[in-house]
Amino acid sequence: YGRMGVGIPNSSWRFSSFCETYPHTLVVPTKISDNVLNHASKFRSKNRIPVLSYLHWQNKASITRSSQPMVGLKKNRSIQDEKLIEAIFRSNAPNLPSVFGSTQTNLIVDARPTANAIANAAVGAGSENMENYKNCERKFMGIDNIHVMREIIQTADVQGLLIKKQNLDKSNWLKYISTILESSLVIIKNVHIASSHVLIHCSDGWDRTAQLTSISILCLDPYYRTFRGFQVLVEKEWISFGHKFTDRSGHLSDEKYFINSVNTNAANTAFNTVQSKFYNQSYIREISPIFQQFLDCVFQLLTQFPTRFEFNEKFLIELHYHCYSCQFGTFLCNSEKERMDYKVTTLTYSVWDYFNSNKNEFLNPLYDGGAEDKEDMGNNGVLLPDEKNTEGFAARMRWKSDSPISRTNSPGI
């Protein structure tokens, strides 16, 4: 955040600390007090208020993220939530460039299908009533929820299908990858070309929201396409912002994922204890390949722009592998608070230590860092993805890749 100019004198943004499922340190508009934030939080699911994810280097337009508003069938409203979003949407007014000649229209992106948002209103949630939010519009992106994504994988698993492109097409996997990229392109253009702000949310703001924020930021800022920057992006948008890695990855949720290598009473007792805690609950319904979809989207970008990423395909494949391997503490638990409570950072190793210690294996030989020189960037530093050109990263995991952006020893998963 310091790199983006947060916290400097006369900044429109300040640091705060608020929600248990959010990072310990949040960035909010300077003009909004913690008292207003406290009242606004009651209007957002899981208290996940709109907070900053990204400030664009060119015009200080922002990407913020939140959960859905608690509108309900009575169309409830929150003056504090409206003030917070108004402050966000006014934060870069003095910095607007005149080169594009565009009229600023801020955007609220609801990642869900319209029908899902309407259905959520029946249980007290829903989407923003746009009569209460000025100088902005709302778009539904039609990205289905975790249960739909899980069914795609389960169908292939039950039928024992090889993960080939034709099977991916039948499962609609590539359709959803394309939808995520298409939605990200809307956000990228709104921020970079229209100099406008974008607020992104889905239901609780830790699945589809993380996909859209991270892909958009990756395309907008070359820093996050470096080896180090991508690590920062994953830590910030996924790990710190509370993507539920334990639940989504199915850690400890099904006995077939356990390897009970020591046939002793003590080992069996320990296994049964863990199994009774997790297996008999509804954790299995929380499993979904949301982070894998994000990695697939990154692969699509890497394929479309092979000289613009410092890392290679092997990096993405091994990152996917270690999301499930539990060899490192990086992807354990469901929130930053849980990792602090269980002392994950002191009792386990970080996966980034592994990658950084073997950096040469994961570098892209085609990378041209000079193309990202901000002195003469224009759109050269911003990627505009082609959402119709999707190859299928999931299919790559079954065999060694012959891609020029891959090492010859890319592992099969």
Protein backbone atom coordinates (compact mmCIF):
# COMPACT_ATOMS: atom_id res chain seq x y z
CA TYR A 1 0.00 0.00 0.00
CA GLY A 2 2.92 2.32 0.64
CA ARG A 3 4.05 1.61 -2.92
CA MET A 4 0.66 2.87 -4.15
CA GLY A 5 0.92 6.08 -2.11
CA VAL A 6 -1.36 5.23 0.82
CA GLY A 7 -0.60 7.04 4.06
CA ILE A 8 1.51 9.85 2.59
CA PRO A 9 0.63 13.48 3.45
CA ASN A 10 -2.57 14.68 1.76
CA SER A 11 -3.48 11.14 0.76
CA SER A 12 -7.15 10.36 0.20
CA TRP A 13 -6.64 7.06 2.02
CA ARG A 14 -5.70 5.99 5.53
CA PHE A 15 -5.10 2.78 7.46
CA SER A 16 -7.62 1.20 9.81
CA SER A 17 -8.36 -2.15 11.44
CA PHE A 18 -11.80 -3.64 11.52
CA CYS A 19 -13.17 -7.05 10.53
CA GLU A 20 -12.21 -10.57 11.69
CA THR A 21 -12.32 -12.07 8.18
CA TYR A 22 -10.36 -9.16 6.69
CA PRO A 23 -6.65 -8.34 6.98
CA HIS A 24 -5.56 -6.80 10.26
CA THR A 25 -4.70 -3.61 8.37
CA LEU A 26 -7.26 -2.10 6.01
CA VAL A 27 -7.23 0.98 3.79
CA VAL A 28 -10.27 3.27 3.84
CA PRO A 29 -11.00 6.88 2.75
CA THR A 30 -9.38 9.50 4.97
CA LYS A 31 -12.66 11.43 5.20
CA ILE A 32 -14.51 8.50 6.80
CA SER A 33 -14.20 7.99 10.56
CA ASP A 34 -14.04 4.63 12.31
CA ASN A 35 -17.42 5.41 13.85
CA VAL A 36 -18.98 5.64 10.38
CA LEU A 37 -17.22 2.41 9.42
CA ASN A 38 -18.67 0.68 12.46
CA HIS A 39 -22.22 1.64 11.48
CA ALA A 40 -21.60 0.84 7.80
CA SER A 41 -20.38 -2.66 8.67
CA LYS A 42 -23.83 -3.64 9.95
CA PHE A 43 -25.11 -3.21 6.40
CA ARG A 44 -22.61 -5.58 4.78
CA SER A 45 -22.58 -9.38 5.00
CA LYS A 46 -19.97 -10.64 7.50
CA ASN A 47 -19.18 -6.95 8.23
CA ARG A 48 -16.99 -6.84 5.12
CA ILE A 49 -17.24 -3.14 4.27
CA PRO A 50 -15.84 -1.58 1.05
CA VAL A 51 -12.05 -1.24 1.46
CA LEU A 52 -9.18 -0.54 -0.91
CA SER A 53 -7.48 -3.21 -3.00
CA TYR A 54 -5.69 -1.12 -5.62
CA LEU A 55 -4.88 2.46 -6.66
CA HIS A 56 -4.04 2.84 -10.33
CA TRP A 57 -0.60 4.34 -10.97
CA GLN A 58 -1.86 6.60 -13.76
CA ASN A 59 -4.95 8.32 -12.36
CA LYS A 60 -5.44 7.08 -8.76
CA ALA A 61 -8.71 5.43 -9.73
CA SER A 62 -9.41 2.70 -7.20
CA ILE A 63 -10.52 -0.90 -7.03
CA THR A 64 -12.31 -1.61 -3.76
CA ARG A 65 -13.93 -4.81 -2.54
CA SER A 66 -16.67 -5.76 -0.11
CA SER A 67 -19.46 -8.25 0.54
CA GLN A 68 -23.09 -7.86 -0.51
CA PRO A 69 -25.33 -5.26 1.18
CA MET A 70 -28.05 -6.44 3.56
CA VAL A 71 -30.87 -4.87 1.56
CA GLY A 72 -33.53 -7.55 1.93
CA LEU A 73 -37.04 -7.47 0.54
CA LYS A 74 -37.77 -4.19 2.32
CA LYS A 75 -34.96 -2.47 0.39
CA ASN A 76 -33.14 -1.36 3.52
CA ARG A 77 -30.47 1.31 3.20
CA SER A 78 -27.49 2.57 5.20
CA ILE A 79 -26.57 6.24 5.09
CA GLN A 80 -23.11 5.34 6.42
CA ASP A 81 -22.53 2.81 3.65
CA GLU A 82 -23.61 5.36 1.08
CA LYS A 83 -21.23 7.96 2.56
CA LEU A 84 -18.38 5.46 2.51
CA ILE A 85 -18.89 4.59 -1.14
CA GLU A 86 -19.35 8.25 -2.08
CA ALA A 87 -16.00 9.06 -0.41
CA ILE A 88 -14.35 6.22 -2.35
CA PHE A 89 -15.81 7.41 -5.64
CA ARG A 90 -14.63 10.99 -5.02
CA SER A 91 -11.12 10.07 -3.88
CA ASN A 92 -9.25 10.82 -7.13
CA ALA A 93 -11.21 13.88 -8.32
CA PRO A 94 -8.18 16.25 -8.37
CA ASN A 95 -6.03 13.63 -10.16
CA LEU A 96 -8.23 12.91 -13.17
CA PRO A 97 -6.20 13.10 -16.40
CA SER A 98 -7.69 14.97 -19.31
CA VAL A 99 -5.99 12.89 -22.02
CA PHE A 100 -8.82 10.43 -22.43
CA GLY A 101 -11.58 13.01 -22.63
CA SER A 102 -13.99 10.57 -20.97
CA THR A 103 -16.76 11.19 -18.49
CA GLN A 104 -16.18 9.47 -15.18
CA THR A 105 -18.89 6.94 -14.38
CA ASN A 106 -18.07 4.82 -11.38
CA LEU A 107 -19.05 1.18 -11.33
CA ILE A 108 -20.38 -1.30 -8.80
CA VAL A 109 -19.58 -4.80 -10.04
CA ASP A 110 -21.79 -7.57 -8.67
CA ALA A 111 -20.04 -10.76 -9.72
CA ARG A 112 -23.18 -12.88 -9.38
CA PRO A 113 -25.92 -13.70 -11.86
CA THR A 114 -28.84 -11.28 -11.45
CA ALA A 115 -31.17 -14.07 -10.34
CA ASN A 116 -28.82 -15.08 -7.51
CA ALA A 117 -28.66 -11.54 -6.17
CA ILE A 118 -32.45 -11.29 -6.24
CA ALA A 119 -32.76 -14.64 -4.48
CA ASN A 120 -30.41 -13.47 -1.74
CA ALA A 121 -32.78 -10.58 -1.03
CA ALA A 122 -35.26 -13.16 0.25
CA VAL A 123 -32.85 -14.01 3.06
CA GLY A 124 -32.10 -10.39 3.94
CA ALA A 125 -29.20 -9.65 1.59
CA GLY A 126 -29.17 -8.72 -2.11
CA SER A 127 -27.60 -5.97 -4.20
CA GLU A 128 -27.41 -2.20 -3.99
CA ASN A 129 -30.50 -0.09 -4.61
CA MET A 130 -29.01 2.25 -7.20
CA GLU A 131 -31.40 5.06 -6.32
CA ASN A 132 -29.27 5.55 -3.19
CA TYR A 133 -25.83 5.55 -4.85
CA LYS A 134 -25.06 8.59 -6.98
CA ASN A 135 -22.78 8.98 -9.99
CA CYS A 136 -22.38 5.27 -10.58
CA GLU A 137 -23.92 2.28 -12.29
CA ARG A 138 -24.09 -1.42 -11.45
CA LYS A 139 -23.32 -4.45 -13.59
CA PHE A 140 -24.02 -8.11 -12.87
CA MET A 141 -21.28 -10.35 -14.25
CA GLY A 142 -23.10 -13.70 -14.18
CA ILE A 143 -20.37 -15.76 -12.49
CA ASP A 144 -21.94 -18.77 -10.75
CA ASN A 145 -21.24 -19.71 -7.14
CA ILE A 146 -18.90 -22.25 -5.53
CA HIS A 147 -21.45 -25.07 -5.76
CA VAL A 148 -21.70 -24.85 -9.55
CA MET A 149 -17.90 -24.82 -9.84
CA ARG A 150 -17.59 -27.83 -7.53
CA GLU A 151 -20.06 -29.84 -9.63
CA ILE A 152 -17.85 -29.34 -12.69
CA ILE A 153 -14.93 -31.04 -10.95
CA GLN A 154 -17.04 -33.70 -9.24
CA THR A 155 -18.62 -34.80 -12.52
CA ALA A 156 -15.21 -35.31 -14.10
CA ASP A 157 -13.92 -37.08 -10.99
CA VAL A 158 -16.85 -39.49 -10.67
CA GLN A 159 -16.81 -40.39 -14.36
CA GLY A 160 -13.03 -40.78 -14.36
CA LEU A 161 -12.68 -38.46 -17.33
CA LEU A 162 -9.29 -37.38 -18.57
CA ILE A 163 -8.97 -33.62 -18.38
CA LYS A 164 -8.83 -32.82 -22.08
CA LYS A 165 -10.01 -29.72 -23.86
CA GLN A 166 -13.17 -31.36 -25.22
CA ASN A 167 -14.12 -32.53 -21.73
CA LEU A 168 -13.43 -29.07 -20.36
CA ASP A 169 -15.72 -27.64 -23.02
CA LYS A 170 -18.49 -30.05 -22.06
CA SER A 171 -18.13 -29.19 -18.39
CA ASN A 172 -18.36 -25.42 -19.08
CA TRP A 173 -15.05 -24.89 -17.26
CA LEU A 174 -13.64 -22.80 -20.09
CA LYS A 175 -16.91 -20.88 -20.30
CA TYR A 176 -16.45 -19.73 -16.70
CA ILE A 177 -12.78 -18.90 -17.29
CA SER A 178 -13.90 -16.75 -20.22
CA THR A 179 -16.59 -15.07 -18.08
CA ILE A 180 -14.05 -14.17 -15.39
CA LEU A 181 -11.68 -12.68 -17.97
CA GLU A 182 -14.50 -10.80 -19.67
CA SER A 183 -15.63 -9.35 -16.33
CA SER A 184 -12.06 -8.36 -15.50
CA LEU A 185 -11.77 -6.58 -18.85
CA VAL A 186 -14.78 -4.41 -17.95
CA ILE A 187 -13.05 -3.44 -14.69
CA ILE A 188 -9.68 -2.81 -16.37
CA LYS A 189 -11.19 -0.48 -18.98
CA ASN A 190 -13.24 1.36 -16.39
CA VAL A 191 -10.17 2.05 -14.24
CA HIS A 192 -7.52 2.67 -16.89
CA ILE A 193 -9.46 4.30 -19.73
CA ALA A 194 -12.41 5.95 -17.96
CA SER A 195 -10.39 6.94 -14.84
CA SER A 196 -13.30 5.65 -12.78
CA HIS A 197 -13.60 3.74 -9.54
CA VAL A 198 -14.85 0.16 -9.28
CA LEU A 199 -16.36 -1.53 -6.22
CA ILE A 200 -16.45 -5.33 -6.55
CA HIS A 201 -18.44 -7.82 -4.52
CA CYS A 202 -20.21 -11.17 -4.79
CA SER A 203 -22.02 -12.61 -1.77
CA ASP A 204 -19.46 -12.67 1.05
CA GLY A 205 -16.58 -11.22 -0.96
CA TRP A 206 -13.94 -13.94 -0.63
CA ASP A 207 -14.37 -16.07 -3.79
CA ARG A 208 -15.53 -14.44 -7.03
CA THR A 209 -14.53 -11.05 -5.63
CA ALA A 210 -10.94 -12.23 -5.12
CA GLN A 211 -10.86 -13.60 -8.67
CA LEU A 212 -11.96 -10.30 -10.21
CA THR A 213 -9.80 -8.01 -8.06
CA SER A 214 -6.62 -10.04 -8.53
CA ILE A 215 -6.99 -10.59 -12.30
CA SER A 216 -7.79 -6.89 -12.84
CA ILE A 217 -4.87 -5.74 -10.71
CA LEU A 218 -2.55 -8.20 -12.47
CA CYS A 219 -3.47 -6.67 -15.82
CA LEU A 220 -3.37 -3.05 -14.66
CA ASP A 221 0.01 -3.02 -12.93
CA PRO A 222 3.20 -4.65 -14.31
CA TYR A 223 4.61 -4.97 -10.77
CA TYR A 224 2.23 -7.84 -10.04
CA ARG A 225 3.49 -9.71 -13.10
CA THR A 226 6.97 -9.92 -11.61
CA PHE A 227 8.05 -12.93 -9.56
CA ARG A 228 7.93 -10.95 -6.33
CA GLY A 229 4.84 -8.91 -7.20
CA PHE A 230 2.71 -11.98 -7.92
CA GLN A 231 3.53 -13.32 -4.47
CA VAL A 232 2.41 -10.01 -2.98
CA LEU A 233 -0.81 -10.17 -5.00
CA VAL A 234 -1.71 -13.67 -3.75
CA GLU A 235 -0.85 -12.78 -0.16
CA LYS A 236 -2.90 -9.58 -0.31
CA GLU A 237 -5.98 -10.44 -2.35
CA TRP A 238 -6.39 -14.11 -1.39
CA ILE A 239 -4.65 -14.98 1.84
CA SER A 240 -5.03 -11.76 3.84
CA PHE A 241 -8.49 -10.92 2.51
CA GLY A 242 -9.84 -14.21 3.79
CA HIS A 243 -10.32 -16.64 0.93
CA LYS A 244 -11.34 -19.81 2.77
CA PHE A 245 -8.46 -22.04 1.70
CA THR A 246 -9.15 -24.75 4.27
CA ASP A 247 -12.78 -25.09 3.20
CA ARG A 248 -12.33 -24.57 -0.55
CA SER A 249 -9.35 -26.95 -0.78
CA GLY A 250 -11.05 -29.64 1.29
CA HIS A 251 -8.25 -29.91 3.84
CA LEU A 252 -9.34 -32.52 6.41
CA SER A 253 -12.79 -32.95 4.90
CA ASP A 254 -12.75 -36.47 3.41
CA GLU A 255 -10.92 -39.61 4.52
CA LYS A 256 -9.74 -40.42 0.99
CA TYR A 257 -7.37 -37.44 1.27
CA PHE A 258 -5.66 -38.91 4.34
CA ILE A 259 -2.71 -41.28 4.13
CA ASN A 260 -2.57 -43.29 7.33
CA SER A 261 0.91 -44.68 6.84
CA VAL A 262 1.45 -45.88 10.40
CA ASN A 263 -0.94 -48.68 11.37
CA THR A 264 -0.96 -48.14 15.11
CA ASN A 265 -3.69 -47.56 17.65
CA ALA A 266 -2.35 -44.09 18.36
CA ALA A 267 -2.38 -43.16 14.68
CA ASN A 268 -5.87 -44.53 14.18
CA THR A 269 -7.13 -42.67 17.25
CA ALA A 270 -5.66 -39.41 15.98
CA PHE A 271 -7.17 -39.97 12.55
CA ASN A 272 -10.61 -40.75 13.96
CA THR A 273 -10.49 -37.66 16.15
CA VAL A 274 -9.75 -35.38 13.22
CA GLN A 275 -12.29 -37.15 11.02
CA SER A 276 -15.08 -36.82 13.58
CA LYS A 277 -14.38 -33.12 13.86
CA PHE A 278 -14.50 -32.38 10.14
CA TYR A 279 -15.97 -35.21 8.09
CA ASN A 280 -19.35 -35.35 9.81
CA GLN A 281 -19.96 -31.67 9.22
CA SER A 282 -20.95 -29.92 6.02
CA TYR A 283 -17.38 -29.05 5.02
CA ILE A 284 -17.65 -31.11 1.87
CA ARG A 285 -20.16 -28.60 0.48
CA GLU A 286 -17.58 -25.84 0.88
CA ILE A 287 -15.03 -27.40 -1.47
CA SER A 288 -14.64 -25.53 -4.75
CA PRO A 289 -11.78 -24.86 -7.22
CA ILE A 290 -11.94 -21.07 -6.95
CA PHE A 291 -8.20 -20.48 -6.55
CA GLN A 292 -7.52 -22.99 -9.34
CA GLN A 293 -9.79 -20.95 -11.62
CA PHE A 294 -7.74 -17.87 -10.79
CA LEU A 295 -4.52 -19.71 -11.70
CA ASP A 296 -6.14 -20.84 -14.95
CA CYS A 297 -6.99 -17.20 -15.77
CA VAL A 298 -3.36 -16.25 -15.09
CA PHE A 299 -2.29 -19.05 -17.42
CA GLN A 300 -4.55 -17.64 -20.15
CA LEU A 301 -2.89 -14.25 -19.75
CA LEU A 302 0.54 -15.84 -19.74
CA THR A 303 -0.32 -17.59 -23.00
CA GLN A 304 -1.70 -14.42 -24.60
CA PHE A 305 1.17 -12.19 -23.39
CA PRO A 306 4.20 -14.53 -23.11
CA THR A 307 6.78 -11.74 -22.73
CA ARG A 308 4.96 -9.81 -19.99
CA PHE A 309 5.29 -12.23 -17.06
CA GLU A 310 8.51 -12.89 -15.18
CA PHE A 311 7.33 -16.33 -14.00
CA ASN A 312 6.55 -19.41 -16.07
CA GLU A 313 3.85 -22.06 -16.23
CA LYS A 314 5.69 -24.38 -13.85
CA PHE A 315 5.35 -21.73 -11.16
CA LEU A 316 1.55 -21.78 -11.54
CA ILE A 317 1.36 -25.58 -11.57
CA GLU A 318 3.46 -25.98 -8.43
CA LEU A 319 1.55 -23.18 -6.71
CA HIS A 320 -1.63 -25.12 -7.44
CA TYR A 321 -0.04 -28.32 -6.14
CA HIS A 322 1.05 -26.75 -2.86
CA CYS A 323 -2.37 -25.24 -2.30
CA TYR A 324 -3.43 -28.85 -1.63
CA SER A 325 -0.19 -30.45 -0.40
CA CYS A 326 -0.28 -28.88 3.09
CA GLN A 327 3.53 -28.94 3.11
CA PHE A 328 3.56 -25.23 3.88
CA GLY A 329 1.44 -23.02 6.12
CA THR A 330 0.67 -20.41 3.46
CA PHE A 331 -2.64 -21.92 2.41
CA LEU A 332 -3.81 -23.23 5.77
CA CYS A 333 -6.84 -21.76 7.60
CA ASN A 334 -9.63 -19.52 6.34
CA SER A 335 -8.49 -16.05 7.41
CA GLU A 336 -5.55 -14.00 8.59
CA LYS A 337 -6.97 -14.04 12.13
CA GLU A 338 -7.09 -17.84 12.16
CA ARG A 339 -3.45 -18.00 11.06
CA MET A 340 -2.51 -15.65 13.88
CA ASP A 341 -4.55 -17.60 16.45
CA TYR A 342 -2.96 -20.91 15.42
CA LYS A 343 0.53 -19.32 15.05
CA VAL A 344 0.80 -20.63 11.50
CA THR A 345 3.54 -18.22 10.48
CA THR A 346 5.79 -19.26 13.37
CA LEU A 347 5.06 -23.01 13.36
CA THR A 348 5.23 -23.63 9.59
CA TYR A 349 7.29 -22.62 6.59
CA SER A 350 6.08 -20.29 3.85
CA VAL A 351 5.65 -21.61 0.32
CA TRP A 352 7.29 -18.41 -0.93
CA ASP A 353 10.55 -19.47 0.76
CA TYR A 354 10.49 -22.60 -1.39
CA PHE A 355 9.83 -20.67 -4.60
CA ASN A 356 12.36 -17.94 -3.84
CA SER A 357 15.04 -20.51 -3.02
CA ASN A 358 14.53 -22.15 -6.41
CA LYS A 359 13.72 -19.02 -8.38
CA ASN A 360 15.58 -19.96 -11.57
CA GLU A 361 13.26 -22.95 -12.11
CA PHE A 362 10.24 -20.68 -12.26
CA LEU A 363 11.46 -17.79 -14.42
CA ASN A 364 10.07 -17.14 -17.89
CA PRO A 365 12.93 -16.96 -20.44
CA LEU A 366 10.75 -14.83 -22.74
CA TYR A 367 10.12 -12.11 -20.13
CA ASP A 368 10.89 -8.58 -21.34
CA GLY A 369 10.97 -6.31 -18.30
CA GLY A 370 11.78 -3.32 -20.49
CA ALA A 371 8.29 -3.46 -21.99
CA GLU A 372 6.93 -2.38 -18.62
CA ASP A 373 8.85 0.92 -18.43
CA LYS A 374 6.38 3.34 -16.90
CA GLU A 375 8.06 6.32 -18.56
CA ASP A 376 6.36 5.39 -21.83
CA MET A 377 3.61 3.07 -20.76
CA GLY A 378 0.33 4.02 -22.38
CA ASN A 379 -1.57 0.76 -22.78
CA ASN A 380 1.76 -1.04 -23.11
CA GLY A 381 1.84 -1.52 -19.37
CA VAL A 382 -1.81 -2.55 -19.13
CA LEU A 383 -2.97 -5.89 -20.50
CA LEU A 384 -6.36 -6.15 -22.20
CA PRO A 385 -7.16 -9.89 -22.20
CA ASP A 386 -8.93 -11.69 -25.00
CA GLU A 387 -11.64 -13.57 -23.13
CA LYS A 388 -12.50 -15.67 -26.19
CA ASN A 389 -9.01 -17.18 -26.45
CA THR A 390 -8.94 -19.75 -23.64
CA GLU A 391 -6.84 -22.89 -23.83
CA GLY A 392 -7.41 -24.56 -20.47
CA PHE A 393 -4.77 -24.55 -17.74
CA ALA A 394 -6.47 -27.51 -16.03
CA ALA A 395 -5.73 -29.67 -19.05
CA ARG A 396 -2.04 -28.82 -18.76
CA MET A 397 -1.79 -30.51 -15.38
CA ARG A 398 -2.08 -34.03 -16.81
CA TRP A 399 1.08 -34.05 -18.89
CA LYS A 400 4.28 -32.17 -19.57
CA SER A 401 3.72 -28.99 -21.53
CA ASP A 402 5.48 -28.09 -24.77
CA SER A 403 4.68 -24.40 -24.30
CA PRO A 404 7.61 -22.01 -24.87
CA ILE A 405 6.78 -20.38 -21.53
CA SER A 406 7.20 -23.70 -19.68
CA ARG A 407 10.26 -25.55 -18.52
CA THR A 408 10.71 -29.00 -20.04
CA ASN A 409 10.40 -30.61 -16.62
CA SER A 410 7.02 -29.11 -15.74
CA PRO A 411 5.44 -31.67 -13.42
CA GLY A 412 2.27 -33.58 -14.17
CA ILE A 413 -0.14 -33.29 -11.25
